[in-house]
Amino acid sequence: MKKIFRTSLLMLAAGVLAVSCADYNEETHYFKAEPDPAFVEPYKDLAPVKSYIDRETYPNMSLGATLNVSDFNKQELAHAAAITNFDNFAFGSTLMSGSIINAKGVMNFLDMKDLLDHMEDIGGEVLGSPIVANANQADEWLNTLTAPIEIVVDYVEGKTVDYTTMTSFDGTVEKPTATIEKYDGINALKVGASASVRIIEGFEVDSTATYTVTFWAKSDKTANFNVVFSGTPVDGGGTNGRFAFPGGEKWKKIVVECKSTPGETEGYLRIDNTRAAPVYIQKVSVGYFPDNHRPQTAQEKRDTINYALNAWCDGMMKINAGRIKTFDLIDEAIGTTELENGMLDLKHSTDKFFWQDVLGSDNYAPAVSKVASAAFAEHGGDLAALKFFISESGLENDKKLESLKYWINIWDANGAKIDGINAKLNLTYSEDAVRQEANKASLDNLLTNLASAGKLIRLSNFDIKYINENGSSVAAKDITDEQRQRLADYYGYVIRSYMAKIPKDKQAGICKGNLADTGDPVGLWAVDSKSKDWVRTATYKAFCDALSGK
């Protein structure tokens, strides 16, 4: 399998990037592409970016790339660029449980298995996506697991009225007329033509309950009538929701499920007779089954979630088989609410499942790292090589970073395995000199504060947007060569600052967000508007120069 990339690797090393029409030949096992005619001076003689890292001076420094699993598995353009120029690869949410586990808990690891088998063949390294998080989780499955439990409940009798035992009617008649009359050999309530009559009333209604109402009706002629339960029309299935049955037949038993209008407390069932022929009612009963669910207890929910965590980690680590050795353990945990000590609390939710709400804030990372470590070892992983990072964005905010360190200290004390911090960047370059100096100062402050954590430090989402002097973003299609060079210089500044401020033994590397330009000029490569070829930009050279120490 290693032969697959021979052609493309040689071409890339020589400065020619495989174009988008690159094709994998299954018979010859070669990845073939024609040279890119748009690839011109001054960058064609540069070597692959990762080759410029001084591995002796910076033994822990690495360069990562973020890709989509399905795009990478196609083994086309992005794949060729990534394996040639980068040390390791991150795959974002596509390796998280939300992309792998369906609503029934079935786990589909086909893409992940293909990816890891392929990486094993070529000697590539994968950075593990967050094992748990607040987003991109298998929410349907988790919500099902933590849903209220079904229980046996008894039917609650509401009220019964038997008109066969009555000689007069004292109920509510909203339109005349209703009387007790002898009919078909028994006493019955006669609901006259165009009458509106409450055939049962005087019970307290629970607006959250679904009631079952049963009544027996008969008419000499075809009957059509509407039914209203405590303010809510009941659909009878006929035209405009009316109830209809042929006249002159036997007594008909009618059973309806109905709910009252929200906020209504008075219980009643009203019949609105819409025809000239009267309708006769023999007997009416109403009642309901209470909600046959109860919330899980705190212990039941913990047991359920520990099951889910173990199942997820076991399935993932079985497919992994020790091949991914570095994972983000948890992602985006820090919220905005202040604790009494001034630190920021973790995120919590009342309408969505969050792991920390069940596992407990202090036990969040310890519980996940314990289960994930055990599954990693059980399926062939070397625990000595396993590393877990806490992934978080917005750490340029001093308070958020201090809060993250506060929680890491708590988790460490409670037995968590936390090796590093993955700081997700959100960088911009500004043509406004004052703002750009502030951008640099913020970055340098972030790196200094990260270094003080004493953990391995990785920077991810390493994309920089370009902002002009008016404060507007400059699109990739509009950026000038001069602007691109200023942007490239800032990329170089970030890399040099990281390598200078983060101790060498704590450098876990930098992970690029996008390889090629998107709508923004964030790429090491620009995308030719006509041919769609990738063309090296000044940013490519800036990476090479900064990594080599220039």
Protein backbone atom coordinates (compact mmCIF):
# COMPACT_ATOMS: atom_id res chain seq x y z
CA MET A 1 0.00 0.00 0.00
CA LYS A 2 2.86 2.41 0.58
CA LYS A 3 3.45 2.48 -3.20
CA ILE A 4 0.12 4.21 -3.70
CA PHE A 5 1.59 7.61 -2.95
CA ARG A 6 5.00 7.29 -4.60
CA THR A 7 4.17 9.35 -7.68
CA SER A 8 2.34 12.08 -5.80
CA LEU A 9 4.97 12.30 -3.09
CA LEU A 10 7.77 12.78 -5.60
CA MET A 11 5.78 15.40 -7.45
CA LEU A 12 4.93 17.27 -4.30
CA ALA A 13 8.47 17.20 -3.01
CA ALA A 14 9.63 18.63 -6.29
CA GLY A 15 7.20 21.51 -5.92
CA VAL A 16 4.32 20.30 -8.08
CA LEU A 17 1.06 19.61 -6.31
CA ALA A 18 -1.24 16.93 -7.66
CA VAL A 19 -4.23 18.55 -9.34
CA SER A 20 -7.88 17.86 -8.69
CA CYS A 21 -8.11 15.32 -11.51
CA ALA A 22 -5.68 13.05 -9.66
CA ASP A 23 -6.69 9.40 -9.95
CA TYR A 24 -5.89 6.24 -8.00
CA ASN A 25 -5.22 3.21 -10.20
CA GLU A 26 -6.27 0.04 -8.38
CA GLU A 27 -4.32 -2.22 -10.74
CA THR A 28 -0.97 -0.46 -10.55
CA HIS A 29 -1.46 0.86 -6.98
CA TYR A 30 -0.23 4.31 -8.01
CA PHE A 31 -1.69 7.75 -7.36
CA LYS A 32 -1.28 9.52 -10.67
CA ALA A 33 -1.64 13.23 -11.45
CA GLU A 34 -0.45 15.60 -14.10
CA PRO A 35 1.79 18.55 -13.09
CA ASP A 36 -0.05 21.74 -12.29
CA PRO A 37 0.72 24.27 -15.07
CA ALA A 38 -0.40 27.13 -12.82
CA PHE A 39 2.39 26.33 -10.35
CA VAL A 40 5.04 28.97 -11.04
CA GLU A 41 7.75 30.92 -9.30
CA PRO A 42 8.61 31.95 -6.68
CA TYR A 43 7.52 28.93 -4.57
CA LYS A 44 7.91 25.89 -6.81
CA ASP A 45 11.25 24.76 -5.37
CA LEU A 46 10.12 24.65 -1.75
CA ALA A 47 10.09 21.24 -0.06
CA PRO A 48 7.13 19.82 1.91
CA VAL A 49 6.33 22.09 4.84
CA LYS A 50 6.96 19.56 7.60
CA SER A 51 10.51 18.95 6.37
CA TYR A 52 11.52 22.43 7.58
CA ILE A 53 11.02 21.63 11.28
CA ASP A 54 14.33 21.37 13.14
CA ARG A 55 13.56 18.08 14.87
CA GLU A 56 16.71 18.13 16.98
CA THR A 57 16.07 21.61 18.39
CA TYR A 58 12.31 21.13 18.64
CA PRO A 59 11.84 17.38 19.21
CA ASN A 60 8.15 17.63 20.18
CA MET A 61 7.11 20.13 17.52
CA SER A 62 4.69 18.79 14.92
CA LEU A 63 2.46 20.12 12.18
CA GLY A 64 -1.13 18.95 11.85
CA ALA A 65 -3.88 19.34 9.30
CA THR A 66 -7.66 19.27 9.77
CA LEU A 67 -9.66 17.30 7.20
CA ASN A 68 -12.98 15.55 6.68
CA VAL A 69 -12.81 11.73 6.90
CA SER A 70 -14.76 11.10 3.70
CA ASP A 71 -12.66 13.64 1.76
CA PHE A 72 -9.45 12.09 3.06
CA ASN A 73 -10.58 8.54 2.30
CA LYS A 74 -11.13 9.52 -1.36
CA GLN A 75 -7.31 9.75 -1.62
CA GLU A 76 -7.43 12.72 -3.95
CA LEU A 77 -6.11 16.27 -3.78
CA ALA A 78 -6.52 17.14 -0.09
CA HIS A 79 -5.19 13.72 0.84
CA ALA A 80 -2.03 14.12 -1.27
CA ALA A 81 -1.32 17.58 0.11
CA ALA A 82 -1.93 16.49 3.69
CA ILE A 83 0.23 13.36 3.82
CA THR A 84 3.10 15.11 2.06
CA ASN A 85 3.20 18.30 4.11
CA PHE A 86 1.92 17.44 7.60
CA ASP A 87 2.86 15.13 10.46
CA ASN A 88 -0.59 14.31 11.79
CA PHE A 89 -4.25 14.74 10.98
CA ALA A 90 -7.37 15.83 12.85
CA PHE A 91 -10.84 15.01 11.60
CA GLY A 92 -13.08 17.24 13.69
CA SER A 93 -16.60 16.09 14.49
CA THR A 94 -16.55 13.26 11.93
CA LEU A 95 -14.89 10.99 14.49
CA MET A 96 -17.20 12.06 17.33
CA SER A 97 -20.14 10.03 18.57
CA GLY A 98 -22.70 12.26 16.86
CA SER A 99 -21.42 11.09 13.47
CA ILE A 100 -21.08 7.44 14.47
CA ILE A 101 -23.95 6.45 16.81
CA ASN A 102 -27.57 6.46 15.62
CA ALA A 103 -30.71 6.99 17.69
CA LYS A 104 -30.84 3.31 18.63
CA GLY A 105 -27.23 3.17 19.77
CA VAL A 106 -25.90 1.37 16.69
CA MET A 107 -22.30 2.44 15.98
CA ASN A 108 -21.05 2.78 12.41
CA PHE A 109 -17.25 2.81 12.35
CA LEU A 110 -16.78 2.03 8.64
CA ASP A 111 -15.21 5.41 7.73
CA MET A 112 -13.06 5.38 10.87
CA LYS A 113 -11.85 1.84 10.19
CA ASP A 114 -10.97 2.67 6.57
CA LEU A 115 -9.15 5.77 7.77
CA LEU A 116 -7.12 4.00 10.45
CA ASP A 117 -6.28 1.01 8.24
CA HIS A 118 -5.04 3.42 5.60
CA MET A 119 -3.06 5.47 8.12
CA GLU A 120 -1.45 2.29 9.40
CA ASP A 121 -0.36 1.44 5.87
CA ILE A 122 1.25 4.82 5.21
CA GLY A 123 2.59 5.43 8.72
CA GLY A 124 0.33 8.45 9.35
CA GLU A 125 -0.73 9.73 12.76
CA VAL A 126 -4.31 10.69 13.70
CA LEU A 127 -5.27 13.16 16.41
CA GLY A 128 -8.34 11.79 18.17
CA SER A 129 -11.50 13.89 18.14
CA PRO A 130 -13.06 14.82 21.51
CA ILE A 131 -14.27 11.69 23.26
CA VAL A 132 -17.12 13.61 24.91
CA ALA A 133 -18.42 17.14 24.48
CA ASN A 134 -21.53 19.29 24.73
CA ALA A 135 -22.03 19.34 20.96
CA ASN A 136 -21.68 16.81 18.12
CA GLN A 137 -22.74 14.03 20.48
CA ALA A 138 -25.17 11.16 19.84
CA ASP A 139 -27.97 13.28 21.31
CA GLU A 140 -30.89 11.11 20.18
CA TRP A 141 -29.34 8.01 21.73
CA LEU A 142 -28.32 9.79 24.94
CA ASN A 143 -31.73 11.41 25.30
CA THR A 144 -33.38 8.02 24.82
CA LEU A 145 -31.16 6.45 27.46
CA THR A 146 -31.88 9.19 29.99
CA ALA A 147 -35.59 9.48 29.21
CA PRO A 148 -38.20 8.83 31.91
CA ILE A 149 -38.90 5.17 32.67
CA GLU A 150 -42.25 3.54 31.85
CA ILE A 151 -44.16 2.33 34.91
CA VAL A 152 -47.47 0.54 35.54
CA VAL A 153 -50.29 2.94 36.42
CA ASP A 154 -53.93 2.41 37.33
CA TYR A 155 -56.83 3.91 35.45
CA VAL A 156 -58.27 6.91 37.28
CA GLU A 157 -62.06 7.01 37.23
CA GLY A 158 -63.31 10.50 36.61
CA LYS A 159 -67.10 10.45 36.53
CA THR A 160 -69.93 8.34 35.15
CA VAL A 161 -73.48 9.43 34.32
CA ASP A 162 -76.13 6.78 33.61
CA TYR A 163 -79.21 8.39 32.07
CA THR A 164 -81.12 5.11 32.08
CA THR A 165 -81.58 5.62 35.84
CA MET A 166 -82.86 9.22 35.57
CA THR A 167 -86.27 10.78 35.04
CA SER A 168 -85.16 14.39 34.57
CA PHE A 169 -82.09 16.24 33.30
CA ASP A 170 -80.51 18.94 35.44
CA GLY A 171 -77.31 19.45 33.47
CA THR A 172 -76.17 22.46 31.43
CA VAL A 173 -78.10 23.11 28.23
CA GLU A 174 -76.36 25.86 26.25
CA LYS A 175 -78.97 25.70 23.48
CA PRO A 176 -82.38 24.10 23.86
CA THR A 177 -83.39 21.39 24.27
CA ALA A 178 -82.38 18.35 26.36
CA THR A 179 -84.69 16.07 28.29
CA ILE A 180 -84.86 12.59 29.73
CA GLU A 181 -87.28 10.53 27.64
CA LYS A 182 -88.24 6.92 27.16
CA TYR A 183 -86.50 5.67 24.02
CA ASP A 184 -85.90 2.21 22.68
CA GLY A 185 -87.26 0.71 25.89
CA ILE A 186 -85.04 2.66 28.28
CA ASN A 187 -84.64 6.17 29.64
CA ALA A 188 -82.14 8.26 27.66
CA LEU A 189 -80.98 11.86 27.33
CA LYS A 190 -82.53 13.42 24.26
CA VAL A 191 -80.30 16.10 22.70
CA GLY A 192 -82.71 18.06 20.56
CA ALA A 193 -82.20 19.50 17.11
CA SER A 194 -79.46 22.16 16.99
CA ALA A 195 -78.93 21.76 20.73
CA SER A 196 -75.66 22.17 22.64
CA VAL A 197 -75.66 20.09 25.80
CA ARG A 198 -73.05 19.14 28.35
CA ILE A 199 -73.76 15.45 28.63
CA ILE A 200 -71.27 15.11 31.50
CA GLU A 201 -69.73 17.77 33.72
CA GLY A 202 -68.79 18.65 37.27
CA PHE A 203 -65.35 17.06 37.54
CA GLU A 204 -61.94 18.68 37.87
CA VAL A 205 -59.84 18.27 34.77
CA ASP A 206 -56.05 17.81 34.60
CA SER A 207 -54.89 19.74 31.54
CA THR A 208 -51.78 17.52 31.23
CA ALA A 209 -53.78 14.27 31.10
CA THR A 210 -55.24 12.49 28.10
CA TYR A 211 -58.80 11.44 28.94
CA THR A 212 -60.84 8.56 27.62
CA VAL A 213 -64.52 9.40 27.19
CA THR A 214 -67.01 6.64 26.42
CA PHE A 215 -70.68 7.21 25.56
CA TRP A 216 -73.50 5.33 23.88
CA ALA A 217 -75.53 7.17 21.23
CA LYS A 218 -78.44 6.35 18.91
CA SER A 219 -80.58 8.26 16.43
CA ASP A 220 -83.57 7.42 14.28
CA LYS A 221 -82.00 9.25 11.38
CA THR A 222 -78.39 9.74 10.29
CA ALA A 223 -76.78 11.78 13.04
CA ASN A 224 -74.05 14.36 12.76
CA PHE A 225 -72.75 16.17 15.79
CA ASN A 226 -69.65 17.89 17.14
CA VAL A 227 -68.00 17.01 20.44
CA VAL A 228 -66.08 19.43 22.66
CA PHE A 229 -64.07 18.36 25.72
CA SER A 230 -63.33 21.15 28.19
CA GLY A 231 -62.87 23.72 25.46
CA THR A 232 -61.12 21.51 22.91
CA PRO A 233 -62.93 20.14 19.81
CA VAL A 234 -62.65 16.36 19.51
CA ASP A 235 -62.09 15.05 16.00
CA GLY A 236 -64.79 12.59 15.00
CA GLY A 237 -63.22 11.79 11.67
CA GLY A 238 -66.03 13.20 9.54
CA THR A 239 -66.44 16.48 7.66
CA ASN A 240 -65.04 19.31 9.79
CA GLY A 241 -64.26 16.75 12.46
CA ARG A 242 -67.91 15.78 13.03
CA PHE A 243 -69.09 12.48 14.44
CA ALA A 244 -71.46 10.63 12.14
CA PHE A 245 -73.28 7.32 12.20
CA PRO A 246 -76.30 5.94 10.35
CA GLY A 247 -79.73 6.29 11.92
CA GLY A 248 -82.03 3.49 12.89
CA GLU A 249 -79.30 1.14 14.00
CA LYS A 250 -78.36 -0.26 17.39
CA TRP A 251 -76.85 1.79 20.18
CA LYS A 252 -73.33 2.79 19.12
CA LYS A 253 -70.47 2.89 21.58
CA ILE A 254 -68.23 5.90 20.94
CA VAL A 255 -64.80 6.11 22.57
CA VAL A 256 -62.67 9.23 22.17
CA GLU A 257 -59.27 10.30 23.45
CA CYS A 258 -59.19 13.97 24.33
CA LYS A 259 -57.32 16.71 26.20
CA SER A 260 -58.67 19.90 27.67
CA THR A 261 -57.71 23.38 26.59
CA PRO A 262 -54.52 24.43 28.45
CA GLY A 263 -55.40 26.23 31.66
CA GLU A 264 -58.95 24.84 31.75
CA THR A 265 -59.93 23.35 35.13
CA GLU A 266 -63.64 22.62 34.58
CA GLY A 267 -64.25 19.19 33.13
CA TYR A 268 -67.13 18.58 30.70
CA LEU A 269 -68.09 16.93 27.43
CA ARG A 270 -70.49 18.87 25.21
CA ILE A 271 -72.43 17.61 22.23
CA ASP A 272 -73.44 20.10 19.54
CA ASN A 273 -76.21 18.49 17.48
CA THR A 274 -76.03 19.81 13.93
CA ARG A 275 -79.12 18.09 12.45
CA ALA A 276 -82.88 18.36 12.88
CA ALA A 277 -83.09 14.79 14.19
CA PRO A 278 -82.45 14.36 17.91
CA VAL A 279 -79.61 12.30 19.28
CA TYR A 280 -80.13 10.01 22.28
CA ILE A 281 -77.43 9.39 24.89
CA GLN A 282 -77.67 6.39 27.18
CA LYS A 283 -74.56 6.52 29.38
CA VAL A 284 -71.32 8.55 29.64
CA SER A 285 -68.10 7.82 31.52
CA VAL A 286 -64.82 9.71 31.69
CA GLY A 287 -61.40 8.86 33.15
CA TYR A 288 -57.73 8.73 32.33
CA PHE A 289 -54.48 6.88 32.75
CA PRO A 290 -51.87 9.03 34.54
CA ASP A 291 -48.55 9.57 32.82
CA ASN A 292 -46.93 6.15 32.88
CA HIS A 293 -43.41 7.57 33.07
CA ARG A 294 -41.27 8.72 35.94
CA PRO A 295 -37.95 10.53 35.82
CA GLN A 296 -34.87 8.42 36.37
CA THR A 297 -33.33 8.81 39.78
CA ALA A 298 -29.92 10.43 40.00
CA GLN A 299 -28.34 7.02 40.55
CA GLU A 300 -30.23 5.43 37.65
CA LYS A 301 -29.14 8.25 35.37
CA ARG A 302 -25.51 7.88 36.49
CA ASP A 303 -25.66 4.13 35.87
CA THR A 304 -27.21 4.71 32.45
CA ILE A 305 -24.63 7.29 31.43
CA ASN A 306 -21.75 5.19 32.71
CA TYR A 307 -23.11 2.40 30.50
CA ALA A 308 -23.24 4.81 27.51
CA LEU A 309 -19.71 6.08 28.18
CA ASN A 310 -18.34 2.56 28.47
CA ALA A 311 -20.16 1.40 25.34
CA TRP A 312 -18.92 4.38 23.29
CA CYS A 313 -15.32 4.14 24.48
CA ASP A 314 -15.24 0.36 24.07
CA GLY A 315 -16.57 0.51 20.52
CA MET A 316 -14.26 3.32 19.48
CA MET A 317 -11.14 1.86 21.10
CA LYS A 318 -11.85 -1.56 19.62
CA ILE A 319 -11.74 -0.08 16.12
CA ASN A 320 -8.79 2.09 17.11
CA ALA A 321 -6.76 -0.88 18.36
CA GLY A 322 -4.19 1.45 19.92
CA ARG A 323 -3.48 3.34 16.70
CA ILE A 324 -4.70 6.79 17.79
CA LYS A 325 -2.58 7.67 20.81
CA THR A 326 -3.51 11.33 21.32
CA PHE A 327 -7.11 12.38 21.98
CA ASP A 328 -9.01 15.46 22.98
CA LEU A 329 -10.68 14.15 26.12
CA ILE A 330 -13.46 16.74 26.52
CA ASP A 331 -14.33 19.77 24.44
CA GLU A 332 -15.70 23.28 25.14
CA ALA A 333 -16.55 22.62 28.79
CA ILE A 334 -16.18 26.15 30.22
CA GLY A 335 -19.34 28.27 30.50
CA THR A 336 -20.02 31.92 31.29
CA THR A 337 -21.56 31.79 34.78
CA GLU A 338 -19.28 32.84 37.65
CA LEU A 339 -18.76 30.71 40.73
CA GLU A 340 -18.45 32.28 44.17
CA ASN A 341 -14.64 32.19 43.83
CA GLY A 342 -14.79 34.25 40.63
CA MET A 343 -13.93 31.36 38.30
CA LEU A 344 -16.23 30.40 35.45
CA ASP A 345 -18.41 27.35 35.97
CA LEU A 346 -18.74 24.52 33.49
CA LYS A 347 -21.59 24.67 31.01
CA HIS A 348 -24.86 23.18 32.24
CA SER A 349 -28.21 22.58 30.59
CA THR A 350 -31.81 22.02 31.63
CA ASP A 351 -33.15 20.98 28.21
CA LYS A 352 -30.28 19.01 26.69
CA PHE A 353 -28.03 16.23 27.86
CA PHE A 354 -24.60 17.34 29.10
CA TRP A 355 -22.23 14.70 30.46
CA GLN A 356 -21.07 16.90 33.34
CA ASP A 357 -24.64 17.31 34.60
CA VAL A 358 -24.79 13.58 35.30
CA LEU A 359 -21.18 12.71 36.05
CA GLY A 360 -20.72 15.85 38.18
CA SER A 361 -18.50 18.82 37.42
CA ASP A 362 -15.62 17.69 39.65
CA ASN A 363 -15.75 14.14 38.29
CA TYR A 364 -16.31 14.98 34.60
CA ALA A 365 -12.77 14.56 33.24
CA PRO A 366 -11.74 11.90 35.78
CA ALA A 367 -14.67 9.66 34.84
CA VAL A 368 -14.11 10.02 31.08
CA SER A 369 -10.33 9.55 31.26
CA LYS A 370 -10.70 6.46 33.45
CA VAL A 371 -13.14 4.74 31.09
CA ALA A 372 -11.29 5.79 27.92
CA SER A 373 -7.91 4.70 29.31
CA ALA A 374 -9.27 1.29 30.33
CA ALA A 375 -10.83 0.72 26.89
CA PHE A 376 -7.62 1.88 25.16
CA ALA A 377 -5.53 -0.64 27.15
CA GLU A 378 -8.07 -3.45 26.75
CA HIS A 379 -7.91 -3.17 22.96
CA GLY A 380 -4.16 -3.22 22.56
CA GLY A 381 -3.14 0.35 23.33
CA ASP A 382 0.09 1.24 25.13
CA LEU A 383 -0.93 3.37 28.12
CA ALA A 384 2.57 4.86 28.29
CA ALA A 385 1.96 6.43 24.87
CA LEU A 386 -1.61 7.63 25.53
CA LYS A 387 -2.17 11.39 25.86
CA PHE A 388 -5.35 13.32 26.64
CA PHE A 389 -5.92 17.02 25.94
CA ILE A 390 -8.65 19.37 27.13
CA SER A 391 -9.90 21.29 24.11
CA GLU A 392 -11.25 24.82 24.53
CA SER A 393 -11.79 27.98 22.49
CA GLY A 394 -11.77 31.62 23.56
CA LEU A 395 -8.71 31.21 25.77
CA GLU A 396 -7.39 34.63 24.77
CA ASN A 397 -9.84 35.73 27.47
CA ASP A 398 -7.68 35.64 30.61
CA LYS A 399 -10.56 34.74 32.89
CA LYS A 400 -11.62 31.81 30.73
CA LEU A 401 -8.07 30.46 30.60
CA GLU A 402 -7.63 30.85 34.35
CA SER A 403 -10.95 29.08 34.83
CA LEU A 404 -9.83 26.23 32.59
CA LYS A 405 -6.65 25.85 34.63
CA TYR A 406 -8.76 25.92 37.80
CA TRP A 407 -10.89 23.03 36.57
CA ILE A 408 -7.87 21.09 35.31
CA ASN A 409 -6.34 21.34 38.79
CA ILE A 410 -9.58 19.96 40.29
CA TRP A 411 -9.72 17.14 37.76
CA ASP A 412 -6.04 16.32 38.27
CA ALA A 413 -6.60 16.13 42.02
CA ASN A 414 -9.52 13.76 41.45
CA GLY A 415 -7.42 11.36 39.42
CA ALA A 416 -7.93 12.49 35.84
CA LYS A 417 -5.30 11.88 33.20
CA ILE A 418 -4.79 15.25 31.52
CA ASP A 419 -1.60 15.71 29.55
CA GLY A 420 -2.26 18.92 27.67
CA ILE A 421 -4.42 21.81 26.52
CA ASN A 422 -5.63 22.12 22.93
CA ALA A 423 -6.22 25.85 22.45
CA LYS A 424 -8.55 26.50 19.52
CA LEU A 425 -7.54 29.78 17.93
CA ASN A 426 -9.65 32.55 16.43
CA LEU A 427 -7.10 34.85 14.82
CA THR A 428 -7.35 37.87 12.52
CA TYR A 429 -4.84 40.14 10.84
CA SER A 430 -5.85 43.80 10.74
CA GLU A 431 -4.56 46.53 8.44
CA ASP A 432 -5.25 48.94 11.28
CA ALA A 433 -1.84 49.17 12.96
CA VAL A 434 -3.23 49.74 16.46
CA ARG A 435 -5.58 46.79 16.21
CA GLN A 436 -2.86 44.58 14.80
CA GLU A 437 -0.54 45.40 17.69
CA ALA A 438 -3.39 44.49 20.00
CA ASN A 439 -3.81 41.21 18.09
CA LYS A 440 -0.13 40.40 18.60
CA ALA A 441 -0.24 41.35 22.26
CA SER A 442 -3.30 39.16 22.81
CA LEU A 443 -1.59 36.20 21.13
CA ASP A 444 1.62 36.62 23.12
CA ASN A 445 -0.36 36.91 26.34
CA LEU A 446 -2.29 33.75 25.47
CA LEU A 447 0.90 31.79 24.84
CA THR A 448 2.51 33.03 28.06
CA ASN A 449 -0.57 32.03 30.07
CA LEU A 450 -0.78 28.65 28.36
CA ALA A 451 2.86 27.96 29.16
CA SER A 452 2.17 28.65 32.83
CA ALA A 453 -0.27 25.69 32.95
CA GLY A 454 2.68 23.29 32.88
CA LYS A 455 0.89 21.05 30.36
CA LEU A 456 1.57 20.11 26.76
CA ILE A 457 0.19 22.85 24.51
CA ARG A 458 -1.29 22.37 21.06
CA LEU A 459 -2.74 25.17 18.93
CA SER A 460 -5.54 24.16 16.57
CA ASN A 461 -7.90 25.86 14.14
CA PHE A 462 -4.84 27.76 12.93
CA ASP A 463 -6.51 29.95 10.31
CA ILE A 464 -6.10 33.72 10.14
CA LYS A 465 -8.68 35.96 8.48
CA TYR A 466 -7.65 39.22 6.83
CA ILE A 467 -9.41 42.43 7.96
CA ASN A 468 -8.89 45.64 5.98
CA GLU A 469 -8.48 49.13 7.41
CA ASN A 470 -12.27 49.61 7.39
CA GLY A 471 -12.81 46.55 9.55
CA SER A 472 -14.20 44.37 6.75
CA SER A 473 -13.06 40.86 5.87
CA VAL A 474 -11.11 40.49 2.64
CA ALA A 475 -12.20 37.49 0.57
CA ALA A 476 -9.73 35.08 -0.99
CA LYS A 477 -10.82 36.12 -4.49
CA ASP A 478 -10.10 39.79 -3.75
CA ILE A 479 -6.87 39.68 -1.74
CA THR A 480 -3.85 41.35 -3.36
CA ASP A 481 -0.32 39.98 -3.39
CA GLU A 482 0.74 42.67 -0.94
CA GLN A 483 -2.10 41.81 1.45
CA ARG A 484 -1.36 38.10 1.14
CA GLN A 485 2.25 38.73 2.10
CA ARG A 486 1.23 40.69 5.21
CA LEU A 487 -1.06 37.84 6.16
CA ALA A 488 1.72 35.31 5.57
CA ASP A 489 4.08 37.33 7.77
CA TYR A 490 1.56 37.13 10.62
CA TYR A 491 1.29 33.36 10.21
CA GLY A 492 5.05 33.26 10.58
CA TYR A 493 4.86 35.49 13.67
CA VAL A 494 2.40 33.14 15.36
CA ILE A 495 4.56 30.09 14.67
CA ARG A 496 7.74 31.77 15.93
CA SER A 497 5.95 33.04 19.05
CA TYR A 498 4.66 29.58 19.83
CA MET A 499 8.10 28.01 19.42
CA ALA A 500 9.69 30.72 21.57
CA LYS A 501 7.15 31.02 24.39
CA ILE A 502 6.06 27.40 24.85
CA PRO A 503 8.88 25.33 26.39
CA LYS A 504 10.28 22.81 23.94
CA ASP A 505 9.26 19.86 26.07
CA LYS A 506 5.68 21.18 26.20
CA GLN A 507 5.24 21.81 22.48
CA ALA A 508 2.59 19.47 21.08
CA GLY A 509 2.41 21.29 17.76
CA ILE A 510 0.17 23.44 15.60
CA CYS A 511 -2.81 22.14 13.64
CA LYS A 512 -3.91 24.02 10.50
CA GLY A 513 -7.61 24.62 10.12
CA ASN A 514 -7.87 24.63 6.31
CA LEU A 515 -5.21 23.61 3.80
CA ALA A 516 -6.56 25.64 0.90
CA ASP A 517 -8.43 28.94 0.75
CA THR A 518 -12.12 28.86 1.53
CA GLY A 519 -14.08 32.06 1.01
CA ASP A 520 -11.33 33.55 3.19
CA PRO A 521 -7.62 33.57 2.26
CA VAL A 522 -6.71 31.07 4.98
CA GLY A 523 -4.82 28.50 2.94
CA LEU A 524 -1.26 27.50 2.30
CA TRP A 525 -2.69 27.02 -1.15
CA ALA A 526 -4.97 29.26 -3.20
CA VAL A 527 -7.58 27.63 -5.46
CA ASP A 528 -7.42 28.58 -9.14
CA SER A 529 -10.88 29.86 -10.09
CA LYS A 530 -10.90 28.10 -13.48
CA SER A 531 -8.88 24.91 -13.17
CA LYS A 532 -9.55 24.42 -9.43
CA ASP A 533 -5.85 23.57 -9.07
CA TRP A 534 -4.14 24.34 -5.78
CA VAL A 535 -1.39 26.93 -6.02
CA ARG A 536 1.11 27.65 -3.25
CA THR A 537 0.77 31.02 -1.59
CA ALA A 538 3.10 33.24 0.41
CA THR A 539 1.67 31.53 3.50
CA TYR A 540 3.27 28.26 2.37
CA LYS A 541 6.68 29.93 2.34
CA ALA A 542 5.97 31.67 5.67
CA PHE A 543 5.37 28.28 7.28
CA CYS A 544 8.60 26.90 5.83
CA ASP A 545 10.65 29.90 6.98
CA ALA A 546 9.16 30.05 10.50
CA LEU A 547 9.49 26.32 11.13
CA SER A 548 13.11 26.38 10.00
CA GLY A 549 13.92 29.21 12.41
CA LYS A 550 14.36 31.98 9.85
